[in-house]
PDB file of all heavy atoms in Angstrom:
ATOM      1  N   GLY A   1      13.606 -24.469 -15.158  1.00  0.00           N
ATOM      2  CA  GLY A   1      14.005 -23.109 -15.579  1.00  0.00           C
ATOM      3  C   GLY A   1      13.810 -22.097 -14.459  1.00  0.00           C
ATOM      4  O   GLY A   1      13.191 -22.334 -13.435  1.00  0.00           O
ATOM      5  N   PRO A   2      14.309 -20.838 -14.718  1.00  0.00           N
ATOM      6  CA  PRO A   2      14.312 -19.823 -13.671  1.00  0.00           C
ATOM      7  C   PRO A   2      12.911 -19.378 -13.243  1.00  0.00           C
ATOM      8  O   PRO A   2      12.696 -18.956 -12.119  1.00  0.00           O
ATOM      9  CB  PRO A   2      15.046 -18.659 -14.297  1.00  0.00           C
ATOM     10  CG  PRO A   2      14.982 -18.897 -15.773  1.00  0.00           C
ATOM     11  CD  PRO A   2      14.934 -20.381 -15.948  1.00  0.00           C
ATOM     12  N   GLU A   3      11.923 -19.578 -14.131  1.00  0.00           N
ATOM     13  CA  GLU A   3      10.560 -19.071 -13.864  1.00  0.00           C
ATOM     14  C   GLU A   3       9.949 -19.736 -12.631  1.00  0.00           C
ATOM     15  O   GLU A   3       9.044 -19.168 -12.018  1.00  0.00           O
ATOM     16  CB  GLU A   3       9.658 -19.164 -15.073  1.00  0.00           C
ATOM     17  CG  GLU A   3       9.387 -20.555 -15.575  1.00  0.00           C
ATOM     18  CD  GLU A   3      10.428 -21.047 -16.598  1.00  0.00           C
ATOM     19  OE1 GLU A   3      11.508 -20.463 -16.644  1.00  0.00           O
ATOM     20  OE2 GLU A   3      10.127 -22.028 -17.284  1.00  0.00           O
ATOM     21  N   ARG A   4      10.378 -20.935 -12.284  1.00  0.00           N
ATOM     22  CA  ARG A   4       9.747 -21.626 -11.163  1.00  0.00           C
ATOM     23  C   ARG A   4      10.056 -20.964  -9.798  1.00  0.00           C
ATOM     24  O   ARG A   4       9.404 -21.288  -8.797  1.00  0.00           O
ATOM     25  CB  ARG A   4      10.137 -23.114 -11.110  1.00  0.00           C
ATOM     26  CG  ARG A   4      11.564 -23.458 -10.775  1.00  0.00           C
ATOM     27  CD  ARG A   4      11.795 -24.898 -11.133  1.00  0.00           C
ATOM     28  NE  ARG A   4      13.073 -25.463 -10.659  1.00  0.00           N
ATOM     29  CZ  ARG A   4      14.221 -25.314 -11.309  1.00  0.00           C
ATOM     30  NH1 ARG A   4      14.295 -24.591 -12.399  1.00  0.00           N
ATOM     31  NH2 ARG A   4      15.327 -25.838 -10.813  1.00  0.00           N
ATOM     32  N   PHE A   5      11.035 -20.062  -9.757  1.00  0.00           N
ATOM     33  CA  PHE A   5      11.376 -19.402  -8.493  1.00  0.00           C
ATOM     34  C   PHE A   5      10.944 -17.950  -8.461  1.00  0.00           C
ATOM     35  O   PHE A   5      11.284 -17.251  -7.495  1.00  0.00           O
ATOM     36  CB  PHE A   5      12.882 -19.489  -8.274  1.00  0.00           C
ATOM     37  CG  PHE A   5      13.406 -20.881  -8.107  1.00  0.00           C
ATOM     38  CD1 PHE A   5      14.181 -21.485  -9.066  1.00  0.00           C
ATOM     39  CD2 PHE A   5      13.106 -21.593  -6.912  1.00  0.00           C
ATOM     40  CE1 PHE A   5      14.628 -22.793  -8.879  1.00  0.00           C
ATOM     41  CE2 PHE A   5      13.558 -22.887  -6.740  1.00  0.00           C
ATOM     42  CZ  PHE A   5      14.346 -23.482  -7.729  1.00  0.00           C
ATOM     43  N   VAL A   6      10.203 -17.478  -9.459  1.00  0.00           N
ATOM     44  CA  VAL A   6       9.817 -16.053  -9.487  1.00  0.00           C
ATOM     45  C   VAL A   6       9.031 -15.658  -8.246  1.00  0.00           C
ATOM     46  O   VAL A   6       9.304 -14.651  -7.594  1.00  0.00           O
ATOM     47  CB  VAL A   6       9.030 -15.716 -10.771  1.00  0.00           C
ATOM     48  CG1 VAL A   6       8.355 -14.368 -10.691  1.00  0.00           C
ATOM     49  CG2 VAL A   6       9.948 -15.739 -11.990  1.00  0.00           C
ATOM     50  N   ASP A   7       8.042 -16.472  -7.886  1.00  0.00           N
ATOM     51  CA  ASP A   7       7.207 -16.109  -6.702  1.00  0.00           C
ATOM     52  C   ASP A   7       8.046 -16.185  -5.405  1.00  0.00           C
ATOM     53  O   ASP A   7       7.871 -15.371  -4.517  1.00  0.00           O
ATOM     54  CB  ASP A   7       5.962 -16.979  -6.584  1.00  0.00           C
ATOM     55  CG  ASP A   7       6.219 -18.470  -6.641  1.00  0.00           C
ATOM     56  OD1 ASP A   7       7.299 -18.871  -7.081  1.00  0.00           O
ATOM     57  OD2 ASP A   7       5.312 -19.242  -6.213  1.00  0.00           O
ATOM     58  N   ASP A   8       8.990 -17.129  -5.348  1.00  0.00           N
ATOM     59  CA  ASP A   8       9.844 -17.255  -4.111  1.00  0.00           C
ATOM     60  C   ASP A   8      10.707 -16.038  -3.922  1.00  0.00           C
ATOM     61  O   ASP A   8      10.943 -15.641  -2.803  1.00  0.00           O
ATOM     62  CB  ASP A   8      10.724 -18.506  -4.265  1.00  0.00           C
ATOM     63  CG  ASP A   8       9.886 -19.786  -4.212  1.00  0.00           C
ATOM     64  OD1 ASP A   8       9.263 -20.038  -3.153  1.00  0.00           O
ATOM     65  OD2 ASP A   8       9.856 -20.511  -5.205  1.00  0.00           O
ATOM     66  N   VAL A   9      11.184 -15.466  -5.041  1.00  0.00           N
ATOM     67  CA  VAL A   9      12.041 -14.289  -4.949  1.00  0.00           C
ATOM     68  C   VAL A   9      11.252 -13.107  -4.319  1.00  0.00           C
ATOM     69  O   VAL A   9      11.793 -12.368  -3.488  1.00  0.00           O
ATOM     70  CB  VAL A   9      12.571 -13.929  -6.379  1.00  0.00           C
ATOM     71  CG1 VAL A   9      13.042 -12.499  -6.447  1.00  0.00           C
ATOM     72  CG2 VAL A   9      13.692 -14.869  -6.767  1.00  0.00           C
ATOM     73  N   VAL A  10      10.001 -12.963  -4.748  1.00  0.00           N
ATOM     74  CA  VAL A  10       9.180 -11.858  -4.219  1.00  0.00           C
ATOM     75  C   VAL A  10       8.801 -12.199  -2.780  1.00  0.00           C
ATOM     76  O   VAL A  10       8.874 -11.311  -1.876  1.00  0.00           O
ATOM     77  CB  VAL A  10       7.925 -11.670  -5.078  1.00  0.00           C
ATOM     78  CG1 VAL A  10       7.030 -10.616  -4.464  1.00  0.00           C
ATOM     79  CG2 VAL A  10       8.263 -11.319  -6.520  1.00  0.00           C
ATOM     80  N   LEU A  11       8.426 -13.439  -2.473  1.00  0.00           N
ATOM     81  CA  LEU A  11       8.029 -13.853  -1.157  1.00  0.00           C
ATOM     82  C   LEU A  11       9.153 -13.646  -0.141  1.00  0.00           C
ATOM     83  O   LEU A  11       8.940 -13.226   0.999  1.00  0.00           O
ATOM     84  CB  LEU A  11       7.625 -15.313  -1.131  1.00  0.00           C
ATOM     85  CG  LEU A  11       6.234 -15.618  -1.679  1.00  0.00           C
ATOM     86  CD1 LEU A  11       6.080 -17.107  -1.892  1.00  0.00           C
ATOM     87  CD2 LEU A  11       5.160 -15.109  -0.743  1.00  0.00           C
ATOM     88  N   LEU A  12      10.391 -13.921  -0.558  1.00  0.00           N
ATOM     89  CA  LEU A  12      11.548 -13.744   0.312  1.00  0.00           C
ATOM     90  C   LEU A  12      11.626 -12.291   0.784  1.00  0.00           C
ATOM     91  O   LEU A  12      11.809 -12.035   1.984  1.00  0.00           O
ATOM     92  CB  LEU A  12      12.816 -14.137  -0.428  1.00  0.00           C
ATOM     93  CG  LEU A  12      14.161 -13.801   0.278  1.00  0.00           C
ATOM     94  CD1 LEU A  12      14.263 -14.512   1.625  1.00  0.00           C
ATOM     95  CD2 LEU A  12      15.355 -14.182  -0.587  1.00  0.00           C
ATOM     96  N   ARG A  13      11.445 -11.357  -0.122  1.00  0.00           N
ATOM     97  CA  ARG A  13      11.558  -9.938   0.265  1.00  0.00           C
ATOM     98  C   ARG A  13      10.334  -9.474   1.068  1.00  0.00           C
ATOM     99  O   ARG A  13      10.498  -8.613   1.939  1.00  0.00           O
ATOM    100  CB  ARG A  13      11.835  -9.120  -0.969  1.00  0.00           C
ATOM    101  CG  ARG A  13      13.316  -9.109  -1.251  1.00  0.00           C
ATOM    102  CD  ARG A  13      13.791  -8.688  -2.573  1.00  0.00           C
ATOM    103  NE  ARG A  13      15.248  -8.648  -2.512  1.00  0.00           N
ATOM    104  CZ  ARG A  13      16.064  -9.714  -2.550  1.00  0.00           C
ATOM    105  NH1 ARG A  13      15.545 -10.905  -2.642  1.00  0.00           N
ATOM    106  NH2 ARG A  13      17.369  -9.603  -2.505  1.00  0.00           N
ATOM    107  N   ILE A  14       9.168 -10.029   0.821  1.00  0.00           N
ATOM    108  CA  ILE A  14       8.021  -9.751   1.676  1.00  0.00           C
ATOM    109  C   ILE A  14       8.322 -10.226   3.117  1.00  0.00           C
ATOM    110  O   ILE A  14       8.064  -9.528   4.110  1.00  0.00           O
ATOM    111  CB  ILE A  14       6.748 -10.428   1.135  1.00  0.00           C
ATOM    112  CG1 ILE A  14       6.300  -9.713  -0.138  1.00  0.00           C
ATOM    113  CG2 ILE A  14       5.642 -10.447   2.169  1.00  0.00           C
ATOM    114  CD1 ILE A  14       5.174 -10.447  -0.904  1.00  0.00           C
ATOM    115  N   ALA A  15       8.906 -11.433   3.233  1.00  0.00           N
ATOM    116  CA  ALA A  15       9.242 -12.002   4.509  1.00  0.00           C
ATOM    117  C   ALA A  15      10.307 -11.165   5.238  1.00  0.00           C
ATOM    118  O   ALA A  15      10.197 -10.875   6.446  1.00  0.00           O
ATOM    119  CB  ALA A  15       9.772 -13.438   4.375  1.00  0.00           C
ATOM    120  N   LEU A  16      11.319 -10.685   4.494  1.00  0.00           N
ATOM    121  CA  LEU A  16      12.409  -9.885   5.131  1.00  0.00           C
ATOM    122  C   LEU A  16      11.809  -8.571   5.673  1.00  0.00           C
ATOM    123  O   LEU A  16      12.200  -8.134   6.778  1.00  0.00           O
ATOM    124  CB  LEU A  16      13.475  -9.571   4.113  1.00  0.00           C
ATOM    125  CG  LEU A  16      14.316 -10.770   3.633  1.00  0.00           C
ATOM    126  CD1 LEU A  16      15.340 -10.331   2.585  1.00  0.00           C
ATOM    127  CD2 LEU A  16      14.972 -11.493   4.819  1.00  0.00           C
ATOM    128  N   ALA A  17      10.842  -7.971   4.995  1.00  0.00           N
ATOM    129  CA  ALA A  17      10.235  -6.755   5.477  1.00  0.00           C
ATOM    130  C   ALA A  17       9.425  -7.040   6.747  1.00  0.00           C
ATOM    131  O   ALA A  17       9.451  -6.224   7.712  1.00  0.00           O
ATOM    132  CB  ALA A  17       9.341  -6.168   4.391  1.00  0.00           C
ATOM    133  N   ARG A  18       8.735  -8.148   6.762  1.00  0.00           N
ATOM    134  CA  ARG A  18       7.954  -8.471   7.943  1.00  0.00           C
ATOM    135  C   ARG A  18       8.817  -8.842   9.154  1.00  0.00           C
ATOM    136  O   ARG A  18       8.511  -8.527  10.311  1.00  0.00           O
ATOM    137  CB  ARG A  18       6.999  -9.650   7.620  1.00  0.00           C
ATOM    138  CG  ARG A  18       5.759  -9.179   6.884  1.00  0.00           C
ATOM    139  CD  ARG A  18       4.761 -10.251   6.644  1.00  0.00           C
ATOM    140  NE  ARG A  18       4.320 -10.938   7.886  1.00  0.00           N
ATOM    141  CZ  ARG A  18       3.543 -11.991   7.902  1.00  0.00           C
ATOM    142  NH1 ARG A  18       3.123 -12.537   6.775  1.00  0.00           N
ATOM    143  NH2 ARG A  18       3.216 -12.540   9.051  1.00  0.00           N
ATOM    144  N   ILE A  19       9.975  -9.452   8.900  1.00  0.00           N
ATOM    145  CA  ILE A  19      10.883  -9.750   9.984  1.00  0.00           C
ATOM    146  C   ILE A  19      11.408  -8.426  10.606  1.00  0.00           C
ATOM    147  O   ILE A  19      11.478  -8.305  11.817  1.00  0.00           O
ATOM    148  CB  ILE A  19      12.114 -10.591   9.481  1.00  0.00           C
ATOM    149  CG1 ILE A  19      11.596 -12.005   9.149  1.00  0.00           C
ATOM    150  CG2 ILE A  19      13.243 -10.629  10.513  1.00  0.00           C
ATOM    151  CD1 ILE A  19      12.579 -12.837   8.309  1.00  0.00           C
ATOM    152  N   ALA A  20      11.684  -7.435   9.755  1.00  0.00           N
ATOM    153  CA  ALA A  20      12.109  -6.120  10.260  1.00  0.00           C
ATOM    154  C   ALA A  20      11.042  -5.471  11.092  1.00  0.00           C
ATOM    155  O   ALA A  20      11.291  -4.881  12.123  1.00  0.00           O
ATOM    156  CB  ALA A  20      12.478  -5.233   9.092  1.00  0.00           C
ATOM    157  N   LYS A  21       9.798  -5.600  10.651  1.00  0.00           N
ATOM    158  CA  LYS A  21       8.653  -4.952  11.299  1.00  0.00           C
ATOM    159  C   LYS A  21       8.177  -5.679  12.561  1.00  0.00           C
ATOM    160  O   LYS A  21       7.846  -5.079  13.563  1.00  0.00           O
ATOM    161  CB  LYS A  21       7.486  -4.900  10.310  1.00  0.00           C
ATOM    162  CG  LYS A  21       6.374  -3.926  10.656  1.00  0.00           C
ATOM    163  CD  LYS A  21       5.370  -3.881   9.592  1.00  0.00           C
ATOM    164  CE  LYS A  21       4.155  -3.103   9.982  1.00  0.00           C
ATOM    165  NZ  LYS A  21       3.107  -3.115   8.952  1.00  0.00           N
ATOM    166  N   GLU A  22       8.204  -7.038  12.512  1.00  0.00           N
ATOM    167  CA  GLU A  22       7.648  -7.816  13.602  1.00  0.00           C
ATOM    168  C   GLU A  22       8.671  -8.456  14.517  1.00  0.00           C
ATOM    169  O   GLU A  22       8.338  -9.195  15.433  1.00  0.00           O
ATOM    170  CB  GLU A  22       6.766  -8.940  13.001  1.00  0.00           C
ATOM    171  CG  GLU A  22       5.600  -8.418  12.151  1.00  0.00           C
ATOM    172  CD  GLU A  22       4.916  -9.514  11.343  1.00  0.00           C
ATOM    173  OE1 GLU A  22       5.079 -10.680  11.703  1.00  0.00           O
ATOM    174  OE2 GLU A  22       4.242  -9.162  10.361  1.00  0.00           O
ATOM    175  N   GLY A  23       9.959  -8.204  14.235  1.00  0.00           N
ATOM    176  CA  GLY A  23      11.022  -8.900  14.972  1.00  0.00           C
ATOM    177  C   GLY A  23      11.335  -8.407  16.368  1.00  0.00           C
ATOM    178  O   GLY A  23      12.097  -8.990  17.096  1.00  0.00           O
ATOM    179  N   GLY A  24      10.709  -7.296  16.756  1.00  0.00           N
ATOM    180  CA  GLY A  24      10.936  -6.792  18.104  1.00  0.00           C
ATOM    181  C   GLY A  24      12.108  -5.829  18.203  1.00  0.00           C
ATOM    182  O   GLY A  24      12.597  -5.335  17.193  1.00  0.00           O
ATOM    183  N   GLU A  25      12.521  -5.596  19.445  1.00  0.00           N
ATOM    184  CA  GLU A  25      13.588  -4.563  19.701  1.00  0.00           C
ATOM    185  C   GLU A  25      14.878  -4.867  18.979  1.00  0.00           C
ATOM    186  O   GLU A  25      15.648  -3.950  18.657  1.00  0.00           O
ATOM    187  CB  GLU A  25      13.839  -4.449  21.209  1.00  0.00           C
ATOM    188  CG  GLU A  25      12.659  -3.812  21.966  1.00  0.00           C
ATOM    189  CD  GLU A  25      12.893  -3.768  23.458  1.00  0.00           C
ATOM    190  OE1 GLU A  25      14.045  -4.055  23.892  1.00  0.00           O
ATOM    191  OE2 GLU A  25      11.915  -3.500  24.189  1.00  0.00           O
ATOM    192  N   GLU A  26      15.202  -6.138  18.829  1.00  0.00           N
ATOM    193  CA  GLU A  26      16.490  -6.530  18.240  1.00  0.00           C
ATOM    194  C   GLU A  26      16.487  -6.584  16.710  1.00  0.00           C
ATOM    195  O   GLU A  26      17.469  -6.890  16.077  1.00  0.00           O
ATOM    196  CB  GLU A  26      16.931  -7.878  18.813  1.00  0.00           C
ATOM    197  CG  GLU A  26      17.101  -7.931  20.327  1.00  0.00           C
ATOM    198  CD  GLU A  26      18.052  -6.892  20.852  1.00  0.00           C
ATOM    199  OE1 GLU A  26      19.126  -6.675  20.228  1.00  0.00           O
ATOM    200  OE2 GLU A  26      17.733  -6.286  21.890  1.00  0.00           O
ATOM    201  N   ALA A  27      15.301  -6.312  16.111  1.00  0.00           N
ATOM    202  CA  ALA A  27      15.178  -6.488  14.683  1.00  0.00           C
ATOM    203  C   ALA A  27      16.082  -5.516  13.899  1.00  0.00           C
ATOM    204  O   ALA A  27      16.704  -5.844  12.890  1.00  0.00           O
ATOM    205  CB  ALA A  27      13.724  -6.286  14.226  1.00  0.00           C
ATOM    206  N   ALA A  28      16.253  -4.271  14.438  1.00  0.00           N
ATOM    207  CA  ALA A  28      17.087  -3.269  13.754  1.00  0.00           C
ATOM    208  C   ALA A  28      18.527  -3.772  13.660  1.00  0.00           C
ATOM    209  O   ALA A  28      19.173  -3.600  12.603  1.00  0.00           O
ATOM    210  CB  ALA A  28      17.016  -1.942  14.514  1.00  0.00           C
ATOM    211  N   GLY A  29      19.021  -4.342  14.724  1.00  0.00           N
ATOM    212  CA  GLY A  29      20.393  -4.896  14.731  1.00  0.00           C
ATOM    213  C   GLY A  29      20.562  -6.022  13.725  1.00  0.00           C
ATOM    214  O   GLY A  29      21.560  -6.129  13.018  1.00  0.00           O
ATOM    215  N   PHE A  30      19.506  -6.874  13.638  1.00  0.00           N
ATOM    216  CA  PHE A  30      19.528  -7.960  12.681  1.00  0.00           C
ATOM    217  C   PHE A  30      19.564  -7.425  11.247  1.00  0.00           C
ATOM    218  O   PHE A  30      20.384  -7.891  10.433  1.00  0.00           O
ATOM    219  CB  PHE A  30      18.274  -8.848  12.891  1.00  0.00           C
ATOM    220  CG  PHE A  30      18.184  -9.978  11.915  1.00  0.00           C
ATOM    221  CD1 PHE A  30      18.883 -11.157  12.133  1.00  0.00           C
ATOM    222  CD2 PHE A  30      17.374  -9.891  10.780  1.00  0.00           C
ATOM    223  CE1 PHE A  30      18.788 -12.222  11.232  1.00  0.00           C
ATOM    224  CE2 PHE A  30      17.280 -10.962   9.880  1.00  0.00           C
ATOM    225  CZ  PHE A  30      17.987 -12.121  10.118  1.00  0.00           C
ATOM    226  N   CYS A  31      18.780  -6.440  10.956  1.00  0.00           N
ATOM    227  CA  CYS A  31      18.704  -5.840   9.632  1.00  0.00           C
ATOM    228  C   CYS A  31      20.044  -5.225   9.239  1.00  0.00           C
ATOM    229  O   CYS A  31      20.461  -5.260   8.076  1.00  0.00           O
ATOM    230  CB  CYS A  31      17.584  -4.809   9.504  1.00  0.00           C
ATOM    231  SG  CYS A  31      15.907  -5.489   9.794  1.00  0.00           S
ATOM    232  N   THR A  32      20.698  -4.615  10.207  1.00  0.00           N
ATOM    233  CA  THR A  32      22.002  -3.933   9.937  1.00  0.00           C
ATOM    234  C   THR A  32      23.019  -4.986   9.461  1.00  0.00           C
ATOM    235  O   THR A  32      23.888  -4.661   8.626  1.00  0.00           O
ATOM    236  CB  THR A  32      22.494  -3.265  11.245  1.00  0.00           C
ATOM    237  OG1 THR A  32      21.513  -2.314  11.656  1.00  0.00           O
ATOM    238  CG2 THR A  32      23.800  -2.519  10.985  1.00  0.00           C
ATOM    239  N   ARG A  33      22.924  -6.199   9.981  1.00  0.00           N
ATOM    240  CA  ARG A  33      23.851  -7.256   9.582  1.00  0.00           C
ATOM    241  C   ARG A  33      23.731  -7.572   8.084  1.00  0.00           C
ATOM    242  O   ARG A  33      24.667  -8.076   7.467  1.00  0.00           O
ATOM    243  CB  ARG A  33      23.633  -8.543  10.394  1.00  0.00           C
ATOM    244  CG  ARG A  33      24.224  -8.467  11.771  1.00  0.00           C
ATOM    245  CD  ARG A  33      23.703  -9.590  12.676  1.00  0.00           C
ATOM    246  NE  ARG A  33      23.775 -10.924  12.092  1.00  0.00           N
ATOM    247  CZ  ARG A  33      23.107 -11.980  12.559  1.00  0.00           C
ATOM    248  NH1 ARG A  33      22.338 -11.838  13.634  1.00  0.00           N
ATOM    249  NH2 ARG A  33      23.237 -13.153  12.040  1.00  0.00           N
ATOM    250  N   PHE A  34      22.556  -7.310   7.539  1.00  0.00           N
ATOM    251  CA  PHE A  34      22.304  -7.590   6.094  1.00  0.00           C
ATOM    252  C   PHE A  34      21.946  -6.303   5.392  1.00  0.00           C
ATOM    253  O   PHE A  34      20.994  -6.249   4.635  1.00  0.00           O
ATOM    254  CB  PHE A  34      21.208  -8.660   5.974  1.00  0.00           C
ATOM    255  CG  PHE A  34      21.521  -9.915   6.746  1.00  0.00           C
ATOM    256  CD1 PHE A  34      20.934 -10.151   7.961  1.00  0.00           C
ATOM    257  CD2 PHE A  34      22.454 -10.822   6.295  1.00  0.00           C
ATOM    258  CE1 PHE A  34      21.230 -11.255   8.744  1.00  0.00           C
ATOM    259  CE2 PHE A  34      22.764 -11.956   7.025  1.00  0.00           C
ATOM    260  CZ  PHE A  34      22.148 -12.208   8.241  1.00  0.00           C
ATOM    261  N   GLY A  35      22.724  -5.285   5.705  1.00  0.00           N
ATOM    262  CA  GLY A  35      22.413  -3.931   5.210  1.00  0.00           C
ATOM    263  C   GLY A  35      22.316  -3.812   3.694  1.00  0.00           C
ATOM    264  O   GLY A  35      21.487  -3.020   3.185  1.00  0.00           O
ATOM    265  N   GLU A  36      23.074  -4.618   2.954  1.00  0.00           N
ATOM    266  CA  GLU A  36      23.073  -4.500   1.493  1.00  0.00           C
ATOM    267  C   GLU A  36      21.705  -4.859   0.933  1.00  0.00           C
ATOM    268  O   GLU A  36      21.200  -4.227   0.037  1.00  0.00           O
ATOM    269  CB  GLU A  36      24.120  -5.477   0.902  1.00  0.00           C
ATOM    270  CG  GLU A  36      24.475  -5.148  -0.523  1.00  0.00           C
ATOM    271  CD  GLU A  36      25.520  -6.089  -1.092  1.00  0.00           C
ATOM    272  OE1 GLU A  36      26.382  -6.588  -0.313  1.00  0.00           O
ATOM    273  OE2 GLU A  36      25.436  -6.350  -2.294  1.00  0.00           O
ATOM    274  N   VAL A  37      21.083  -5.900   1.517  1.00  0.00           N
ATOM    275  CA  VAL A  37      19.731  -6.293   1.099  1.00  0.00           C
ATOM    276  C   VAL A  37      18.660  -5.357   1.620  1.00  0.00           C
ATOM    277  O   VAL A  37      17.798  -4.879   0.923  1.00  0.00           O
ATOM    278  CB  VAL A  37      19.464  -7.731   1.518  1.00  0.00           C
ATOM    279  CG1 VAL A  37      17.985  -8.116   1.270  1.00  0.00           C
ATOM    280  CG2 VAL A  37      20.330  -8.735   0.781  1.00  0.00           C
ATOM    281  N   TYR A  38      18.777  -5.038   2.931  1.00  0.00           N
ATOM    282  CA  TYR A  38      17.744  -4.208   3.543  1.00  0.00           C
ATOM    283  C   TYR A  38      17.739  -2.757   3.084  1.00  0.00           C
ATOM    284  O   TYR A  38      16.710  -2.098   3.066  1.00  0.00           O
ATOM    285  CB  TYR A  38      17.897  -4.262   5.099  1.00  0.00           C
ATOM    286  CG  TYR A  38      17.115  -5.437   5.709  1.00  0.00           C
ATOM    287  CD1 TYR A  38      17.771  -6.593   6.061  1.00  0.00           C
ATOM    288  CD2 TYR A  38      15.747  -5.336   5.880  1.00  0.00           C
ATOM    289  CE1 TYR A  38      17.015  -7.676   6.620  1.00  0.00           C
ATOM    290  CE2 TYR A  38      15.008  -6.406   6.409  1.00  0.00           C
ATOM    291  CZ  TYR A  38      15.652  -7.540   6.793  1.00  0.00           C
ATOM    292  OH  TYR A  38      14.952  -8.579   7.313  1.00  0.00           O
ATOM    293  N   SER A  39      18.890  -2.257   2.629  1.00  0.00           N
ATOM    294  CA  SER A  39      18.941  -0.860   2.147  1.00  0.00           C
ATOM    295  C   SER A  39      18.097  -0.656   0.904  1.00  0.00           C
ATOM    296  O   SER A  39      17.625   0.454   0.623  1.00  0.00           O
ATOM    297  CB  SER A  39      20.399  -0.454   1.870  1.00  0.00           C
ATOM    298  OG  SER A  39      20.913  -1.222   0.816  1.00  0.00           O
ATOM    299  N   LYS A  40      17.895  -1.720   0.114  1.00  0.00           N
ATOM    300  CA  LYS A  40      17.094  -1.639  -1.147  1.00  0.00           C
ATOM    301  C   LYS A  40      15.672  -2.151  -0.956  1.00  0.00           C
ATOM    302  O   LYS A  40      14.880  -2.061  -1.869  1.00  0.00           O
ATOM    303  CB  LYS A  40      17.760  -2.440  -2.234  1.00  0.00           C
ATOM    304  CG  LYS A  40      19.120  -1.922  -2.695  1.00  0.00           C
ATOM    305  CD  LYS A  40      19.849  -2.917  -3.537  1.00  0.00           C
ATOM    306  CE  LYS A  40      19.175  -3.120  -4.889  1.00  0.00           C
ATOM    307  NZ  LYS A  40      19.916  -4.113  -5.712  1.00  0.00           N
ATOM    308  N   LEU A  41      15.377  -2.659   0.243  1.00  0.00           N
ATOM    309  CA  LEU A  41      14.137  -3.420   0.400  1.00  0.00           C
ATOM    310  C   LEU A  41      12.851  -2.592   0.186  1.00  0.00           C
ATOM    311  O   LEU A  41      11.940  -3.026  -0.507  1.00  0.00           O
ATOM    312  CB  LEU A  41      14.099  -4.076   1.779  1.00  0.00           C
ATOM    313  CG  LEU A  41      13.028  -5.123   2.030  1.00  0.00           C
ATOM    314  CD1 LEU A  41      13.139  -6.252   1.016  1.00  0.00           C
ATOM    315  CD2 LEU A  41      13.130  -5.673   3.429  1.00  0.00           C
ATOM    316  N   ASP A  42      12.792  -1.416   0.762  1.00  0.00           N
ATOM    317  CA  ASP A  42      11.583  -0.583   0.596  1.00  0.00           C
ATOM    318  C   ASP A  42      11.341  -0.286  -0.884  1.00  0.00           C
ATOM    319  O   ASP A  42      10.197  -0.330  -1.376  1.00  0.00           O
ATOM    320  CB  ASP A  42      11.735   0.763   1.344  1.00  0.00           C
ATOM    321  CG  ASP A  42      11.553   0.551   2.864  1.00  0.00           C
ATOM    322  OD1 ASP A  42      11.097  -0.525   3.255  1.00  0.00           O
ATOM    323  OD2 ASP A  42      11.932   1.462   3.641  1.00  0.00           O
ATOM    324  N   ASP A  43      12.382  -0.012  -1.601  1.00  0.00           N
ATOM    325  CA  ASP A  43      12.291   0.314  -3.012  1.00  0.00           C
ATOM    326  C   ASP A  43      11.888  -0.947  -3.810  1.00  0.00           C
ATOM    327  O   ASP A  43      11.034  -0.862  -4.707  1.00  0.00           O
ATOM    328  CB  ASP A  43      13.672   0.798  -3.545  1.00  0.00           C
ATOM    329  CG  ASP A  43      13.521   1.741  -4.697  1.00  0.00           C
ATOM    330  OD1 ASP A  43      12.495   2.487  -4.759  1.00  0.00           O
ATOM    331  OD2 ASP A  43      14.385   1.727  -5.572  1.00  0.00           O
ATOM    332  N   ASP A  44      12.433  -2.098  -3.430  1.00  0.00           N
ATOM    333  CA  ASP A  44      12.050  -3.390  -4.064  1.00  0.00           C
ATOM    334  C   ASP A  44      10.565  -3.593  -3.931  1.00  0.00           C
ATOM    335  O   ASP A  44       9.874  -3.890  -4.915  1.00  0.00           O
ATOM    336  CB  ASP A  44      12.760  -4.564  -3.384  1.00  0.00           C
ATOM    337  CG  ASP A  44      14.243  -4.628  -3.705  1.00  0.00           C
ATOM    338  OD1 ASP A  44      14.656  -4.126  -4.745  1.00  0.00           O
ATOM    339  OD2 ASP A  44      14.979  -5.247  -2.899  1.00  0.00           O
ATOM    340  N   LEU A  45      10.074  -3.459  -2.698  1.00  0.00           N
ATOM    341  CA  LEU A  45       8.661  -3.769  -2.439  1.00  0.00           C
ATOM    342  C   LEU A  45       7.722  -2.779  -3.181  1.00  0.00           C
ATOM    343  O   LEU A  45       6.648  -3.163  -3.650  1.00  0.00           O
ATOM    344  CB  LEU A  45       8.397  -3.752  -0.928  1.00  0.00           C
ATOM    345  CG  LEU A  45       9.071  -4.850  -0.140  1.00  0.00           C
ATOM    346  CD1 LEU A  45       8.768  -4.759   1.320  1.00  0.00           C
ATOM    347  CD2 LEU A  45       8.749  -6.217  -0.626  1.00  0.00           C
TER     348      LEU A  45
END
């Protein structure tokens, strides 16, 4: 059932935020490629 992925869904967004923060100079460009997800990320967290 869907409940087995609940923690993974949250972990994925924690990881995406850390990639943005720790990814270096090119991280901003990477985040822009996935703007739909990253635009809501701060609010999600």
